[in-house]
Amino acid sequence: MNGFGAGLVRRGLLGALGEPDQLLRLARFRAAHPEVIIGDGGFGTVQARIPEPDGETVITRYTLRELLDRLDEVTNGPNGRPGCEPS
């Protein structure tokens, strides 16, 4: 297993190895949002924890693609504007 794949195993994302097209996307997201923790959610899911001033937001999806799609929506808001929540 290469270094990048081994890093996924250490971070609990073994299932992400089944979506190689999403691994570069995951790396870009992590670089842009180092505060977001992404890992294995258990029961065949992947999970992200987003820190908030009054706690955290937890997002769980069955595939890495679905999780990254939702994270893009949450972190970019409508029309790609950061910090805007949909109304």
PDB file of N, CA and C in Angstrom:
ATOM      1  N   MET A   1       0.858  -1.170   0.000  1.00  0.00           N
ATOM      2  CA  MET A   1       0.000   0.000   0.000  1.00  0.00           C
ATOM      3  C   MET A   1       0.900   1.228   0.000  1.00  0.00           C
ATOM      4  N   ASN A   2       0.586   2.204  -0.858  1.00  0.00           N
ATOM      5  CA  ASN A   2       1.430   3.398  -0.922  1.00  0.00           C
ATOM      6  C   ASN A   2       1.204   4.289   0.289  1.00  0.00           C
ATOM      7  N   GLY A   3       1.991   5.348   0.415  1.00  0.00           N
ATOM      8  CA  GLY A   3       1.904   6.227   1.572  1.00  0.00           C
ATOM      9  C   GLY A   3       0.548   6.872   1.731  1.00  0.00           C
ATOM     10  N   PHE A   4      -0.067   7.278   0.618  1.00  0.00           N
ATOM     11  CA  PHE A   4      -1.378   7.929   0.705  1.00  0.00           C
ATOM     12  C   PHE A   4      -2.430   6.945   1.176  1.00  0.00           C
ATOM     13  N   GLY A   5      -2.416   5.734   0.651  1.00  0.00           N
ATOM     14  CA  GLY A   5      -3.364   4.700   1.081  1.00  0.00           C
ATOM     15  C   GLY A   5      -3.169   4.341   2.538  1.00  0.00           C
ATOM     16  N   ALA A   6      -1.924   4.272   2.971  1.00  0.00           N
ATOM     17  CA  ALA A   6      -1.646   3.962   4.372  1.00  0.00           C
ATOM     18  C   ALA A   6      -2.172   5.071   5.277  1.00  0.00           C
ATOM     19  N   GLY A   7      -2.090   6.309   4.821  1.00  0.00           N
ATOM     20  CA  GLY A   7      -2.631   7.430   5.594  1.00  0.00           C
ATOM     21  C   GLY A   7      -4.132   7.322   5.765  1.00  0.00           C
ATOM     22  N   LEU A   8      -4.820   6.839   4.744  1.00  0.00           N
ATOM     23  CA  LEU A   8      -6.268   6.659   4.840  1.00  0.00           C
ATOM     24  C   LEU A   8      -6.616   5.590   5.866  1.00  0.00           C
ATOM     25  N   VAL A   9      -5.833   4.519   5.889  1.00  0.00           N
ATOM     26  CA  VAL A   9      -6.076   3.459   6.860  1.00  0.00           C
ATOM     27  C   VAL A   9      -5.866   3.998   8.268  1.00  0.00           C
ATOM     28  N   ARG A  10      -4.795   4.759   8.490  1.00  0.00           N
ATOM     29  CA  ARG A  10      -4.536   5.344   9.808  1.00  0.00           C
ATOM     30  C   ARG A  10      -5.652   6.284  10.225  1.00  0.00           C
ATOM     31  N   ARG A  11      -6.263   6.971   9.261  1.00  0.00           N
ATOM     32  CA  ARG A  11      -7.338   7.913   9.570  1.00  0.00           C
ATOM     33  C   ARG A  11      -8.699   7.236   9.594  1.00  0.00           C
ATOM     34  N   GLY A  12      -8.755   5.934   9.387  1.00  0.00           N
ATOM     35  CA  GLY A  12     -10.009   5.215   9.467  1.00  0.00           C
ATOM     36  C   GLY A  12     -10.859   5.320   8.221  1.00  0.00           C
ATOM     37  N   LEU A  13     -10.241   5.529   7.077  1.00  0.00           N
ATOM     38  CA  LEU A  13     -10.995   5.672   5.832  1.00  0.00           C
ATOM     39  C   LEU A  13     -10.686   4.550   4.857  1.00  0.00           C
ATOM     40  N   LEU A  14     -10.595   3.350   5.360  1.00  0.00           N
ATOM     41  CA  LEU A  14     -10.294   2.214   4.502  1.00  0.00           C
ATOM     42  C   LEU A  14     -11.304   2.088   3.371  1.00  0.00           C
ATOM     43  N   GLY A  15     -12.578   2.343   3.640  1.00  0.00           N
ATOM     44  CA  GLY A  15     -13.612   2.264   2.619  1.00  0.00           C
ATOM     45  C   GLY A  15     -13.400   3.264   1.494  1.00  0.00           C
ATOM     46  N   ALA A  16     -12.704   4.363   1.755  1.00  0.00           N
ATOM     47  CA  ALA A  16     -12.456   5.367   0.726  1.00  0.00           C
ATOM     48  C   ALA A  16     -11.542   4.837  -0.370  1.00  0.00           C
ATOM     49  N   LEU A  17     -10.819   3.772  -0.082  1.00  0.00           N
ATOM     50  CA  LEU A  17      -9.953   3.199  -1.097  1.00  0.00           C
ATOM     51  C   LEU A  17     -10.766   2.634  -2.253  1.00  0.00           C
ATOM     52  N   GLY A  18     -12.056   2.400  -2.052  1.00  0.00           N
ATOM     53  CA  GLY A  18     -12.934   1.935  -3.113  1.00  0.00           C
ATOM     54  C   GLY A  18     -13.399   3.061  -4.019  1.00  0.00           C
ATOM     55  N   GLU A  19     -13.060   4.289  -3.705  1.00  0.00           N
ATOM     56  CA  GLU A  19     -13.423   5.451  -4.508  1.00  0.00           C
ATOM     57  C   GLU A  19     -12.164   6.241  -4.858  1.00  0.00           C
ATOM     58  N   PRO A  20     -11.272   5.660  -5.655  1.00  0.00           N
ATOM     59  CA  PRO A  20     -10.000   6.337  -5.925  1.00  0.00           C
ATOM     60  C   PRO A  20     -10.159   7.698  -6.596  1.00  0.00           C
ATOM     61  N   ASP A  21     -11.248   7.898  -7.345  1.00  0.00           N
ATOM     62  CA  ASP A  21     -11.466   9.185  -7.990  1.00  0.00           C
ATOM     63  C   ASP A  21     -11.771  10.291  -6.986  1.00  0.00           C
ATOM     64  N   GLN A  22     -12.135   9.932  -5.763  1.00  0.00           N
ATOM     65  CA  GLN A  22     -12.469  10.928  -4.738  1.00  0.00           C
ATOM     66  C   GLN A  22     -11.295  11.263  -3.826  1.00  0.00           C
ATOM     67  N   LEU A  23     -10.208  10.521  -3.922  1.00  0.00           N
ATOM     68  CA  LEU A  23      -9.088  10.725  -3.005  1.00  0.00           C
ATOM     69  C   LEU A  23      -8.397  12.067  -3.203  1.00  0.00           C
ATOM     70  N   LEU A  24      -8.228  12.490  -4.445  1.00  0.00           N
ATOM     71  CA  LEU A  24      -7.634  13.804  -4.706  1.00  0.00           C
ATOM     72  C   LEU A  24      -8.567  14.899  -4.202  1.00  0.00           C
ATOM     73  N   ARG A  25      -9.841  14.707  -4.413  1.00  0.00           N
ATOM     74  CA  ARG A  25     -10.839  15.672  -3.929  1.00  0.00           C
ATOM     75  C   ARG A  25     -10.785  15.777  -2.407  1.00  0.00           C
ATOM     76  N   LEU A  26     -10.647  14.632  -1.731  1.00  0.00           N
ATOM     77  CA  LEU A  26     -10.523  14.618  -0.277  1.00  0.00           C
ATOM     78  C   LEU A  26      -9.282  15.387   0.166  1.00  0.00           C
ATOM     79  N   ALA A  27      -8.173  15.161  -0.506  1.00  0.00           N
ATOM     80  CA  ALA A  27      -6.926  15.858  -0.157  1.00  0.00           C
ATOM     81  C   ALA A  27      -7.081  17.367  -0.333  1.00  0.00           C
ATOM     82  N   ARG A  28      -7.738  17.801  -1.411  1.00  0.00           N
ATOM     83  CA  ARG A  28      -7.960  19.238  -1.628  1.00  0.00           C
ATOM     84  C   ARG A  28      -8.863  19.826  -0.545  1.00  0.00           C
ATOM     85  N   PHE A  29      -9.909  19.072  -0.182  1.00  0.00           N
ATOM     86  CA  PHE A  29     -10.815  19.574   0.849  1.00  0.00           C
ATOM     87  C   PHE A  29     -10.075  19.720   2.178  1.00  0.00           C
ATOM     88  N   ARG A  30      -9.290  18.714   2.529  1.00  0.00           N
ATOM     89  CA  ARG A  30      -8.546  18.771   3.796  1.00  0.00           C
ATOM     90  C   ARG A  30      -7.558  19.934   3.818  1.00  0.00           C
ATOM     91  N   ALA A  31      -6.937  20.219   2.690  1.00  0.00           N
ATOM     92  CA  ALA A  31      -6.000  21.341   2.624  1.00  0.00           C
ATOM     93  C   ALA A  31      -6.728  22.670   2.809  1.00  0.00           C
ATOM     94  N   ALA A  32      -7.926  22.768   2.250  1.00  0.00           N
ATOM     95  CA  ALA A  32      -8.697  24.005   2.342  1.00  0.00           C
ATOM     96  C   ALA A  32      -9.404  24.164   3.683  1.00  0.00           C
ATOM     97  N   HIS A  33      -9.708  23.045   4.355  1.00  0.00           N
ATOM     98  CA  HIS A  33     -10.472  23.071   5.603  1.00  0.00           C
ATOM     99  C   HIS A  33      -9.828  22.154   6.652  1.00  0.00           C
ATOM    100  N   PRO A  34      -8.643  22.527   7.148  1.00  0.00           N
ATOM    101  CA  PRO A  34      -7.946  21.651   8.104  1.00  0.00           C
ATOM    102  C   PRO A  34      -8.689  21.478   9.430  1.00  0.00           C
ATOM    103  N   GLU A  35      -9.643  22.339   9.713  1.00  0.00           N
ATOM    104  CA  GLU A  35     -10.400  22.232  10.958  1.00  0.00           C
ATOM    105  C   GLU A  35     -11.450  21.124  10.930  1.00  0.00           C
ATOM    106  N   VAL A  36     -11.819  20.658   9.740  1.00  0.00           N
ATOM    107  CA  VAL A  36     -12.833  19.613   9.601  1.00  0.00           C
ATOM    108  C   VAL A  36     -12.169  18.244   9.751  1.00  0.00           C
ATOM    109  N   ILE A  37     -12.713  17.418  10.622  1.00  0.00           N
ATOM    110  CA  ILE A  37     -12.182  16.079  10.858  1.00  0.00           C
ATOM    111  C   ILE A  37     -13.029  15.094  10.055  1.00  0.00           C
ATOM    112  N   ILE A  38     -12.377  14.319   9.191  1.00  0.00           N
ATOM    113  CA  ILE A  38     -13.069  13.343   8.357  1.00  0.00           C
ATOM    114  C   ILE A  38     -12.515  11.972   8.677  1.00  0.00           C
ATOM    115  N   GLY A  39     -13.402  11.014   8.916  1.00  0.00           N
ATOM    116  CA  GLY A  39     -12.949   9.673   9.248  1.00  0.00           C
ATOM    117  C   GLY A  39     -14.057   8.645   9.102  1.00  0.00           C
ATOM    118  N   ASP A  40     -13.764   7.463   9.565  1.00  0.00           N
ATOM    119  CA  ASP A  40     -14.704   6.354   9.512  1.00  0.00           C
ATOM    120  C   ASP A  40     -15.821   6.592  10.519  1.00  0.00           C
ATOM    121  N   GLY A  41     -17.064   6.552  10.045  1.00  0.00           N
ATOM    122  CA  GLY A  41     -18.202   6.753  10.930  1.00  0.00           C
ATOM    123  C   GLY A  41     -18.749   5.456  11.498  1.00  0.00           C
ATOM    124  N   GLY A  42     -18.145   4.336  11.118  1.00  0.00           N
ATOM    125  CA  GLY A  42     -18.640   3.043  11.568  1.00  0.00           C
ATOM    126  C   GLY A  42     -19.811   2.569  10.720  1.00  0.00           C
ATOM    127  N   PHE A  43     -20.058   1.294  10.738  1.00  0.00           N
ATOM    128  CA  PHE A  43     -21.181   0.696  10.021  1.00  0.00           C
ATOM    129  C   PHE A  43     -21.150   1.012   8.524  1.00  0.00           C
ATOM    130  N   GLY A  44     -19.962   1.094   7.950  1.00  0.00           N
ATOM    131  CA  GLY A  44     -19.833   1.333   6.514  1.00  0.00           C
ATOM    132  C   GLY A  44     -20.084   2.763   6.090  1.00  0.00           C
ATOM    133  N   THR A  45     -19.901   3.715   6.997  1.00  0.00           N
ATOM    134  CA  THR A  45     -20.113   5.122   6.668  1.00  0.00           C
ATOM    135  C   THR A  45     -18.820   5.917   6.819  1.00  0.00           C
ATOM    136  N   VAL A  46     -18.826   7.115   6.245  1.00  0.00           N
ATOM    137  CA  VAL A  46     -17.755   8.086   6.476  1.00  0.00           C
ATOM    138  C   VAL A  46     -18.402   9.293   7.135  1.00  0.00           C
ATOM    139  N   GLN A  47     -17.637   9.971   7.970  1.00  0.00           N
ATOM    140  CA  GLN A  47     -18.211  11.025   8.793  1.00  0.00           C
ATOM    141  C   GLN A  47     -17.286  12.229   8.838  1.00  0.00           C
ATOM    142  N   ALA A  48     -17.889  13.408   8.930  1.00  0.00           N
ATOM    143  CA  ALA A  48     -17.134  14.646   9.087  1.00  0.00           C
ATOM    144  C   ALA A  48     -17.655  15.382  10.314  1.00  0.00           C
ATOM    145  N   ARG A  49     -16.722  15.953  11.072  1.00  0.00           N
ATOM    146  CA  ARG A  49     -17.073  16.799  12.213  1.00  0.00           C
ATOM    147  C   ARG A  49     -16.573  18.202  11.929  1.00  0.00           C
ATOM    148  N   ILE A  50     -17.505  19.148  11.930  1.00  0.00           N
ATOM    149  CA  ILE A  50     -17.181  20.537  11.635  1.00  0.00           C
ATOM    150  C   ILE A  50     -17.330  21.327  12.932  1.00  0.00           C
ATOM    151  N   PRO A  51     -16.242  21.912  13.440  1.00  0.00           N
ATOM    152  CA  PRO A  51     -16.350  22.697  14.673  1.00  0.00           C
ATOM    153  C   PRO A  51     -17.236  23.930  14.459  1.00  0.00           C
ATOM    154  N   GLU A  52     -18.034  24.234  15.452  1.00  0.00           N
ATOM    155  CA  GLU A  52     -18.907  25.407  15.454  1.00  0.00           C
ATOM    156  C   GLU A  52     -18.658  26.162  16.755  1.00  0.00           C
ATOM    157  N   PRO A  53     -19.002  27.439  16.822  1.00  0.00           N
ATOM    158  CA  PRO A  53     -18.787  28.191  18.069  1.00  0.00           C
ATOM    159  C   PRO A  53     -19.494  27.574  19.281  1.00  0.00           C
ATOM    160  N   ASP A  54     -20.633  26.924  19.044  1.00  0.00           N
ATOM    161  CA  ASP A  54     -21.394  26.366  20.168  1.00  0.00           C
ATOM    162  C   ASP A  54     -21.442  24.838  20.157  1.00  0.00           C
ATOM    163  N   GLY A  55     -20.463  24.196  19.530  1.00  0.00           N
ATOM    164  CA  GLY A  55     -20.418  22.732  19.481  1.00  0.00           C
ATOM    165  C   GLY A  55     -19.800  22.258  18.183  1.00  0.00           C
ATOM    166  N   GLU A  56     -20.517  21.369  17.494  1.00  0.00           N
ATOM    167  CA  GLU A  56     -20.015  20.864  16.227  1.00  0.00           C
ATOM    168  C   GLU A  56     -21.181  20.360  15.386  1.00  0.00           C
ATOM    169  N   THR A  57     -20.950  20.305  14.091  1.00  0.00           N
ATOM    170  CA  THR A  57     -21.892  19.708  13.161  1.00  0.00           C
ATOM    171  C   THR A  57     -21.288  18.392  12.700  1.00  0.00           C
ATOM    172  N   VAL A  58     -22.073  17.324  12.731  1.00  0.00           N
ATOM    173  CA  VAL A  58     -21.608  16.005  12.302  1.00  0.00           C
ATOM    174  C   VAL A  58     -22.421  15.603  11.073  1.00  0.00           C
ATOM    175  N   ILE A  59     -21.723  15.219  10.021  1.00  0.00           N
ATOM    176  CA  ILE A  59     -22.362  14.779   8.783  1.00  0.00           C
ATOM    177  C   ILE A  59     -21.888  13.362   8.500  1.00  0.00           C
ATOM    178  N   THR A  60     -22.818  12.457   8.252  1.00  0.00           N
ATOM    179  CA  THR A  60     -22.501  11.057   7.984  1.00  0.00           C
ATOM    180  C   THR A  60     -23.132  10.650   6.663  1.00  0.00           C
ATOM    181  N   ARG A  61     -22.353  10.002   5.808  1.00  0.00           N
ATOM    182  CA  ARG A  61     -22.845   9.508   4.527  1.00  0.00           C
ATOM    183  C   ARG A  61     -22.245   8.128   4.278  1.00  0.00           C
ATOM    184  N   TYR A  62     -22.841   7.390   3.343  1.00  0.00           N
ATOM    185  CA  TYR A  62     -22.366   6.043   3.025  1.00  0.00           C
ATOM    186  C   TYR A  62     -21.181   6.033   2.072  1.00  0.00           C
ATOM    187  N   THR A  63     -20.999   7.078   1.281  1.00  0.00           N
ATOM    188  CA  THR A  63     -19.849   7.109   0.376  1.00  0.00           C
ATOM    189  C   THR A  63     -19.083   8.410   0.571  1.00  0.00           C
ATOM    190  N   LEU A  64     -17.813   8.360   0.240  1.00  0.00           N
ATOM    191  CA  LEU A  64     -16.971   9.546   0.329  1.00  0.00           C
ATOM    192  C   LEU A  64     -17.476  10.620  -0.619  1.00  0.00           C
ATOM    193  N   ARG A  65     -17.922  10.230  -1.813  1.00  0.00           N
ATOM    194  CA  ARG A  65     -18.446  11.205  -2.783  1.00  0.00           C
ATOM    195  C   ARG A  65     -19.636  11.967  -2.183  1.00  0.00           C
ATOM    196  N   GLU A  66     -20.571  11.236  -1.567  1.00  0.00           N
ATOM    197  CA  GLU A  66     -21.740  11.885  -0.960  1.00  0.00           C
ATOM    198  C   GLU A  66     -21.322  12.826   0.169  1.00  0.00           C
ATOM    199  N   LEU A  67     -20.357  12.395   0.974  1.00  0.00           N
ATOM    200  CA  LEU A  67     -19.891  13.231   2.074  1.00  0.00           C
ATOM    201  C   LEU A  67     -19.241  14.510   1.546  1.00  0.00           C
ATOM    202  N   LEU A  68     -18.370  14.376   0.564  1.00  0.00           N
ATOM    203  CA  LEU A  68     -17.699  15.556   0.016  1.00  0.00           C
ATOM    204  C   LEU A  68     -18.686  16.485  -0.681  1.00  0.00           C
ATOM    205  N   ASP A  69     -19.698  15.936  -1.350  1.00  0.00           N
ATOM    206  CA  ASP A  69     -20.741  16.776  -1.962  1.00  0.00           C
ATOM    207  C   ASP A  69     -21.434  17.614  -0.889  1.00  0.00           C
ATOM    208  N   ARG A  70     -21.801  16.974   0.211  1.00  0.00           N
ATOM    209  CA  ARG A  70     -22.496  17.695   1.294  1.00  0.00           C
ATOM    210  C   ARG A  70     -21.573  18.703   1.964  1.00  0.00           C
ATOM    211  N   LEU A  71     -20.324  18.337   2.166  1.00  0.00           N
ATOM    212  CA  LEU A  71     -19.368  19.278   2.761  1.00  0.00           C
ATOM    213  C   LEU A  71     -19.170  20.495   1.876  1.00  0.00           C
ATOM    214  N   ASP A  72     -19.149  20.292   0.559  1.00  0.00           N
ATOM    215  CA  ASP A  72     -19.048  21.434  -0.354  1.00  0.00           C
ATOM    216  C   ASP A  72     -20.239  22.367  -0.181  1.00  0.00           C
ATOM    217  N   GLU A  73     -21.436  21.790  -0.051  1.00  0.00           N
ATOM    218  CA  GLU A  73     -22.633  22.611   0.157  1.00  0.00           C
ATOM    219  C   GLU A  73     -22.551  23.393   1.466  1.00  0.00           C
ATOM    220  N   VAL A  74     -22.143  22.725   2.522  1.00  0.00           N
ATOM    221  CA  VAL A  74     -22.109  23.349   3.848  1.00  0.00           C
ATOM    222  C   VAL A  74     -21.015  24.401   3.953  1.00  0.00           C
ATOM    223  N   THR A  75     -19.842  24.107   3.422  1.00  0.00           N
ATOM    224  CA  THR A  75     -18.720  25.038   3.589  1.00  0.00           C
ATOM    225  C   THR A  75     -18.742  26.176   2.579  1.00  0.00           C
ATOM    226  N   ASN A  76     -19.378  25.967   1.428  1.00  0.00           N
ATOM    227  CA  ASN A  76     -19.418  27.027   0.419  1.00  0.00           C
ATOM    228  C   ASN A  76     -20.719  27.810   0.426  1.00  0.00           C
ATOM    229  N   GLY A  77     -21.790  27.218   0.915  1.00  0.00           N
ATOM    230  CA  GLY A  77     -23.071  27.909   0.928  1.00  0.00           C
ATOM    231  C   GLY A  77     -23.630  28.065  -0.476  1.00  0.00           C
ATOM    232  N   PRO A  78     -24.750  28.772  -0.594  1.00  0.00           N
ATOM    233  CA  PRO A  78     -25.359  28.971  -1.903  1.00  0.00           C
ATOM    234  C   PRO A  78     -24.490  29.825  -2.803  1.00  0.00           C
ATOM    235  N   ASN A  79     -24.499  29.533  -4.065  1.00  0.00           N
ATOM    236  CA  ASN A  79     -23.729  30.292  -5.067  1.00  0.00           C
ATOM    237  C   ASN A  79     -22.236  30.298  -4.780  1.00  0.00           C
ATOM    238  N   GLY A  80     -21.736  29.294  -4.048  1.00  0.00           N
ATOM    239  CA  GLY A  80     -20.307  29.189  -3.792  1.00  0.00           C
ATOM    240  C   GLY A  80     -19.767  30.221  -2.833  1.00  0.00           C
ATOM    241  N   ARG A  81     -20.639  30.872  -2.055  1.00  0.00           N
ATOM    242  CA  ARG A  81     -20.188  31.896  -1.112  1.00  0.00           C
ATOM    243  C   ARG A  81     -19.946  31.281   0.247  1.00  0.00           C
ATOM    244  N   PRO A  82     -18.716  31.360   0.775  1.00  0.00           N
ATOM    245  CA  PRO A  82     -18.411  30.770   2.073  1.00  0.00           C
ATOM    246  C   PRO A  82     -19.247  31.372   3.194  1.00  0.00           C
ATOM    247  N   GLY A  83     -19.632  30.510   4.122  1.00  0.00           N
ATOM    248  CA  GLY A  83     -20.296  30.969   5.327  1.00  0.00           C
ATOM    249  C   GLY A  83     -21.763  31.288   5.189  1.00  0.00           C
ATOM    250  N   CYS A  84     -22.346  31.092   4.036  1.00  0.00           N
ATOM    251  CA  CYS A  84     -23.769  31.368   3.845  1.00  0.00           C
ATOM    252  C   CYS A  84     -24.570  30.095   3.977  1.00  0.00           C
ATOM    253  N   GLU A  85     -25.510  30.095   4.863  1.00  0.00           N
ATOM    254  CA  GLU A  85     -26.374  28.930   5.040  1.00  0.00           C
ATOM    255  C   GLU A  85     -27.572  29.063   4.131  1.00  0.00           C
ATOM    256  N   PRO A  86     -28.024  27.962   3.544  1.00  0.00           N
ATOM    257  CA  PRO A  86     -29.223  28.040   2.719  1.00  0.00           C
ATOM    258  C   PRO A  86     -30.429  28.450   3.549  1.00  0.00           C
ATOM    259  N   SER A  87     -31.315  29.207   2.950  1.00  0.00           N
ATOM    260  CA  SER A  87     -32.522  29.652   3.688  1.00  0.00           C
ATOM    261  C   SER A  87     -33.660  28.698   3.494  1.00  0.00           C
TER     262      SER A  87
END
